[in-house]
Protein backbone atom coordinates (compact mmCIF):
# COMPACT_ATOMS: atom_id res chain seq x y z
CA MET A 1 10.65 -28.20 13.65
CA ASN A 2 13.74 -28.16 11.45
CA PRO A 3 13.39 -26.77 7.92
CA LYS A 4 12.78 -29.52 5.38
CA ARG A 5 15.39 -29.76 2.63
CA GLN A 6 13.70 -30.74 -0.64
CA ALA A 7 14.11 -30.59 -4.40
CA LEU A 8 12.45 -27.42 -5.69
CA ALA A 9 11.06 -27.09 -9.20
CA PRO A 10 12.88 -24.46 -11.29
CA GLY A 11 11.50 -20.95 -10.98
CA LEU A 12 11.53 -17.72 -9.01
CA TYR A 13 10.19 -18.05 -5.45
CA LEU A 14 8.99 -14.92 -3.65
CA VAL A 15 8.99 -15.42 0.11
CA ALA A 16 7.57 -13.11 2.77
CA THR A 17 9.78 -12.41 5.78
CA PRO A 18 8.76 -11.14 9.25
CA ILE A 19 8.19 -7.42 9.70
CA GLY A 20 9.25 -7.75 13.32
CA THR A 21 8.95 -10.95 15.31
CA ALA A 22 11.20 -13.60 13.75
CA ARG A 23 8.78 -16.41 14.55
CA ASP A 24 6.15 -14.95 12.20
CA ILE A 25 7.88 -16.68 9.29
CA THR A 26 5.99 -19.60 7.71
CA LEU A 27 7.18 -23.21 7.68
CA ARG A 28 6.94 -23.24 3.90
CA THR A 29 9.22 -20.21 3.61
CA LEU A 30 11.78 -21.92 5.84
CA ASP A 31 11.67 -25.01 3.61
CA ILE A 32 12.19 -22.89 0.50
CA LEU A 33 15.10 -20.99 2.04
CA ALA A 34 16.67 -24.29 3.03
CA SER A 35 16.26 -25.77 -0.46
CA ALA A 36 16.70 -23.08 -3.13
CA ASP A 37 19.75 -23.22 -5.40
CA VAL A 38 20.25 -19.45 -5.33
CA ILE A 39 19.14 -17.00 -2.63
CA ALA A 40 18.61 -13.29 -3.38
CA ALA A 41 17.66 -10.71 -0.78
CA GLU A 42 17.00 -7.00 -0.53
CA ASP A 43 19.18 -7.04 2.60
CA THR A 44 21.52 -10.03 2.81
CA ARG A 45 22.54 -9.30 6.40
CA SER A 46 19.00 -9.36 7.76
CA LEU A 47 18.15 -12.50 5.79
CA ARG A 48 21.32 -14.26 6.92
CA LYS A 49 20.43 -13.39 10.53
CA LEU A 50 16.92 -14.76 10.01
CA MET A 51 18.30 -17.98 8.53
CA ASP A 52 20.66 -18.36 11.48
CA ILE A 53 17.80 -17.92 13.95
CA HIS A 54 15.90 -20.73 12.27
CA GLY A 55 18.87 -23.03 11.76
CA ILE A 56 19.13 -22.80 7.98
CA ALA A 57 22.63 -23.35 6.65
CA LEU A 58 23.72 -21.38 3.61
CA ALA A 59 26.39 -23.98 2.79
CA ASP A 60 27.93 -23.34 -0.61
CA ARG A 61 24.85 -21.65 -2.09
CA PRO A 62 25.21 -18.09 -3.40
CA LEU A 63 23.54 -15.31 -1.40
CA VAL A 64 23.00 -12.38 -3.77
CA SER A 65 22.18 -8.79 -2.82
CA TYR A 66 19.34 -7.40 -4.96
CA HIS A 67 17.90 -3.94 -4.29
CA ASP A 68 16.86 -0.69 -5.97
CA HIS A 69 20.42 0.50 -6.54
CA ASN A 70 21.90 -2.62 -8.14
CA GLY A 71 18.92 -4.27 -9.81
CA GLU A 72 19.96 -3.50 -13.38
CA ARG A 73 23.39 -5.01 -12.76
CA VAL A 74 22.39 -8.06 -10.71
CA ARG A 75 19.18 -9.09 -12.47
CA PRO A 76 20.98 -10.73 -15.45
CA ARG A 77 22.84 -13.03 -13.05
CA LEU A 78 19.60 -14.22 -11.49
CA MET A 79 17.98 -14.63 -14.89
CA ARG A 80 20.91 -16.81 -15.98
CA ALA A 81 20.32 -19.04 -12.97
CA LEU A 82 16.68 -19.43 -14.02
CA GLU A 83 17.79 -20.19 -17.57
CA GLU A 84 19.99 -22.96 -16.19
CA GLY A 85 16.94 -24.55 -14.57
CA LYS A 86 17.75 -23.51 -11.02
CA SER A 87 15.41 -22.52 -8.21
CA VAL A 88 15.92 -18.89 -7.16
CA VAL A 89 14.37 -17.43 -4.02
CA TYR A 90 13.97 -13.69 -3.42
CA ALA A 91 13.22 -12.18 0.01
CA SER A 92 12.37 -8.60 0.93
CA GLU A 93 14.09 -6.96 3.86
CA ALA A 94 10.77 -7.32 5.67
CA GLY A 95 7.28 -8.25 4.58
CA THR A 96 5.96 -9.45 1.24
CA PRO A 97 7.93 -9.02 -1.99
CA MET A 98 6.31 -6.81 -4.64
CA VAL A 99 4.69 -4.53 -2.02
CA ALA A 100 6.75 -1.28 -2.05
CA ASP A 101 9.70 -3.50 -2.85
CA PRO A 102 12.42 -3.82 -5.56
CA GLY A 103 11.37 -7.39 -6.40
CA PHE A 104 8.86 -6.15 -8.99
CA ASP A 105 11.34 -5.77 -11.85
CA LEU A 106 12.84 -9.18 -11.15
CA ALA A 107 9.44 -10.86 -11.02
CA ARG A 108 8.30 -9.11 -14.19
CA ALA A 109 11.45 -10.17 -16.03
CA ALA A 110 10.95 -13.78 -14.93
CA VAL A 111 7.33 -13.81 -16.09
CA GLU A 112 8.18 -12.21 -19.45
CA ALA A 113 10.88 -14.83 -20.00
CA GLY A 114 8.39 -17.63 -19.32
CA TYR A 115 9.73 -18.85 -15.96
CA HIS A 116 7.50 -19.98 -13.12
CA LEU A 117 6.74 -17.39 -10.42
CA ILE A 118 5.82 -18.91 -7.07
CA SER A 119 4.69 -17.02 -3.96
CA ALA A 120 5.04 -18.22 -0.38
CA PRO A 121 2.67 -15.79 1.38
CA GLY A 122 3.23 -14.46 4.86
CA PRO A 123 3.72 -11.21 6.78
CA SER A 124 2.72 -7.86 5.28
CA ALA A 125 2.72 -4.51 7.06
CA VAL A 126 -0.29 -3.41 4.99
CA ILE A 127 -2.50 -6.31 6.03
CA THR A 128 -1.23 -6.29 9.61
CA ALA A 129 -2.05 -2.59 9.96
CA LEU A 130 -5.52 -3.10 8.49
CA THR A 131 -6.27 -5.78 11.07
CA VAL A 132 -5.41 -3.60 14.07
CA ALA A 133 -6.40 -0.09 12.92
CA GLY A 134 -10.10 -0.48 13.62
CA LEU A 135 -11.07 1.02 10.24
CA PRO A 136 -13.19 -0.62 7.50
CA THR A 137 -11.40 -3.35 5.54
CA ASP A 138 -14.08 -4.24 2.96
CA HIS A 139 -12.31 -1.94 0.49
CA PHE A 140 -8.83 -0.46 0.81
CA PHE A 141 -6.21 1.21 -1.38
CA PHE A 142 -2.48 0.92 -0.73
CA ALA A 143 -0.73 4.12 -1.85
CA GLY A 144 2.82 3.35 -0.68
CA PHE A 145 5.00 6.33 0.21
CA LEU A 146 3.72 9.83 -0.58
CA PRO A 147 6.09 12.46 -2.07
CA ASN A 148 8.38 14.21 0.40
CA ALA A 149 7.54 17.77 -0.67
CA SER A 150 4.32 19.17 0.79
CA GLY A 151 3.00 20.52 -2.52
CA LYS A 152 3.44 17.25 -4.37
CA ARG A 153 2.13 15.34 -1.36
CA LYS A 154 -1.08 17.39 -1.34
CA THR A 155 -1.52 16.84 -5.08
CA ALA A 156 -1.14 13.08 -4.57
CA LEU A 157 -3.65 13.16 -1.72
CA GLU A 158 -6.16 15.05 -3.87
CA THR A 159 -6.17 12.18 -6.37
CA LEU A 160 -7.07 9.81 -3.53
CA ALA A 161 -9.74 11.95 -1.87
CA GLU A 162 -12.69 10.09 -3.36
CA VAL A 163 -11.34 6.53 -3.25
CA PRO A 164 -14.24 4.53 -1.71
CA GLY A 165 -12.09 2.63 0.76
CA THR A 166 -9.55 2.90 3.55
CA LEU A 167 -6.31 4.52 2.38
CA VAL A 168 -3.04 2.90 3.50
CA PHE A 169 0.36 4.64 3.39
CA TYR A 170 3.90 3.89 4.46
CA GLU A 171 5.57 6.88 6.08
CA SER A 172 8.85 7.96 7.65
CA PRO A 173 8.72 8.88 11.35
CA LYS A 174 10.43 12.16 10.43
CA ARG A 175 7.63 13.14 8.03
CA VAL A 176 4.55 11.59 9.59
CA ALA A 177 3.41 14.77 11.39
CA ALA A 178 3.68 16.85 8.19
CA MET A 179 1.96 14.12 6.20
CA LEU A 180 -0.95 14.03 8.66
CA ARG A 181 -1.30 17.82 8.51
CA ASP A 182 -1.45 17.74 4.72
CA ALA A 183 -3.91 14.84 4.83
CA ALA A 184 -6.14 16.79 7.22
CA THR A 185 -6.06 19.79 4.88
CA VAL A 186 -6.81 17.83 1.71
CA LEU A 187 -9.01 14.97 2.92
CA GLY A 188 -10.73 16.69 5.83
CA GLY A 189 -9.56 16.96 9.41
CA GLU A 190 -12.50 14.99 10.80
CA ARG A 191 -11.72 11.81 8.87
CA GLN A 192 -10.92 8.92 11.17
CA ALA A 193 -7.38 7.58 10.89
CA ALA A 194 -4.79 5.41 12.59
CA VAL A 195 -1.01 5.55 12.93
CA CYS A 196 0.53 2.10 13.42
CA ARG A 197 4.18 1.82 14.35
CA GLU A 198 6.61 -1.01 15.07
CA LEU A 199 4.01 -3.64 14.18
CA THR A 200 4.70 -7.08 15.73
CA LYS A 201 7.72 -5.63 17.57
CA LYS A 202 8.31 -4.95 21.26
CA PHE A 203 7.11 -1.34 21.17
CA GLU A 204 4.13 -1.85 18.86
CA GLU A 205 1.64 1.00 19.14
CA VAL A 206 -1.56 2.04 17.38
CA LEU A 207 -2.76 5.64 17.66
CA ARG A 208 -6.38 6.24 16.61
CA GLY A 209 -8.36 9.45 16.13
CA THR A 210 -9.22 12.10 13.57
CA LEU A 211 -6.58 13.38 11.19
CA ASN A 212 -6.58 16.69 13.07
CA ASP A 213 -6.05 14.96 16.41
CA LEU A 214 -3.29 12.69 15.12
CA ALA A 215 -1.52 15.55 13.34
CA THR A 216 -1.41 17.48 16.61
CA LEU A 217 -0.32 14.44 18.62
CA CYS A 218 2.49 13.49 16.25
CA SER A 219 3.80 17.05 16.06
CA GLU A 220 4.04 17.18 19.85
CA ARG A 221 5.43 13.68 20.31
CA PRO A 222 8.05 12.51 17.77
CA LEU A 223 7.62 8.86 16.78
CA LYS A 224 10.23 6.23 16.02
CA GLY A 225 10.23 3.05 13.97
CA GLU A 226 8.40 1.75 10.92
CA ILE A 227 5.06 3.50 10.40
CA VAL A 228 1.85 2.71 8.53
CA VAL A 229 -0.83 5.42 8.28
CA LEU A 230 -4.44 4.51 7.52
CA VAL A 231 -7.23 6.95 6.67
CA ASP A 232 -10.92 6.10 6.56
CA ARG A 233 -12.92 6.79 3.40
CA GLY A 234 -14.77 10.08 3.12
CA ARG A 235 -18.38 10.14 4.22
CA LEU A 236 -20.78 11.99 1.92
CA PRO A 237 -23.79 13.71 3.46
CA LYS A 238 -26.94 11.67 2.91
CA ILE A 239 -29.40 13.25 0.51
CA ARG A 240 -32.21 11.70 -1.50
CA GLU A 241 -31.53 11.41 -5.23
CA PHE A 242 -34.90 13.05 -5.91
CA ASP A 243 -33.92 16.12 -3.89
CA LEU A 244 -30.59 16.43 -5.71
CA ASP A 245 -32.22 16.11 -9.12
CA GLU A 246 -34.94 18.64 -8.24
CA ARG A 247 -32.38 21.22 -7.13
CA LEU A 248 -30.13 20.61 -10.17
CA MET A 249 -33.03 20.93 -12.60
CA ALA A 250 -33.98 24.28 -11.10
CA VAL A 251 -30.43 25.64 -11.34
CA LEU A 252 -29.72 24.18 -14.80
CA SER A 253 -32.55 26.26 -16.23
CA GLU A 254 -30.48 29.38 -15.65
CA HIS A 255 -26.84 28.23 -15.47
CA SER A 256 -24.31 26.06 -17.29
CA VAL A 257 -23.68 22.49 -16.17
CA ARG A 258 -20.37 23.49 -14.60
CA ASP A 259 -21.80 26.47 -12.69
CA ALA A 260 -24.88 24.51 -11.62
CA ALA A 261 -22.71 21.71 -10.24
CA ASP A 262 -20.56 24.20 -8.31
CA MET A 263 -23.58 25.93 -6.81
CA VAL A 264 -25.50 22.81 -5.81
CA ALA A 265 -22.43 21.01 -4.45
CA ALA A 266 -21.67 23.97 -2.20
CA GLU A 267 -25.30 24.37 -1.18
CA LEU A 268 -25.84 20.72 -0.24
CA GLY A 269 -22.34 19.96 1.04
CA LEU A 270 -21.68 17.26 -1.56
CA LYS A 271 -18.56 16.33 -3.50
CA ARG A 272 -18.44 18.40 -6.67
CA ARG A 273 -17.54 15.43 -8.90
CA GLN A 274 -20.62 13.51 -7.78
CA VAL A 275 -22.90 16.49 -8.45
CA TYR A 276 -21.21 17.35 -11.77
CA GLN A 277 -21.71 13.82 -13.13
CA ARG A 278 -25.39 13.91 -12.22
CA ALA A 279 -25.78 17.39 -13.73
CA LEU A 280 -24.31 16.14 -17.01
CA GLU A 281 -26.79 13.27 -17.07
CA LEU A 282 -29.76 15.55 -16.39
CA ASP A 283 -28.61 18.12 -18.94
CA ARG A 284 -28.21 15.40 -21.57
CA LYS A 285 -31.67 14.03 -20.77
CA GLN A 286 -33.21 17.50 -21.06
CA LYS A 287 -31.66 18.00 -24.51
CA ASP A 288 -32.78 14.56 -25.68
CA ASP A 289 -36.34 15.22 -24.53
CA ALA A 290 -36.34 18.60 -26.25
CA GLY A 291 -34.98 17.09 -29.46
């Protein structure tokens, strides 16, 4: 089916492009690319190739490069086009704009200036990885790229340790083994995880196992291509609330809230934050009853 040339309403159109297989593009995205007055792309070469594959002529329309390094300089040009009542389309190099992508500043500027922001949904490495990883998808948290340095990476992971959902990261093949080692150290080596690489491409592969197992595997076998790492949520040991309260009350009679939380958390194998919050509540209740 040939793309349908049509009159587009003025505004900024965000279109998702394939993360691998060129045929994953949507018919609506093809229509928008064929019709927009101005085309902006994170990578103009890859978008031009995609347009050629699908028979979309650029004709005399401008094709503007817009990425992290030139955004401040190029954004005013695109905003002027919107001011003139033109339709402007922006495409990521791969996947959905706004997800680990330089399109955020452009979209925010368009919204603040009162222009329409229209999304043509489609491929996303985050969602694709979630569908094939075999981990829970009822709750998930996309954390993008972690810091390169191990110390900062561990600090970032610590802030995510108690997120009640599957964690999703983008990672470089050169750093994935080190990232998995740090994740095993901070989050726990027995957490289930998955390493997805080259999604929708010829050499697509999904490695599943514990963080310890995957860290060992990836250190022994260097990976190539685009990588998404997913880590299952932490599993707290099951303990009845009555038992926790009974133990905390006994310890609080002789220790501070902080010390009591440390002792009981270690004794019962629970997350300290969970125990500390409950200890605060019990201590407050004790004082209210006494007052």
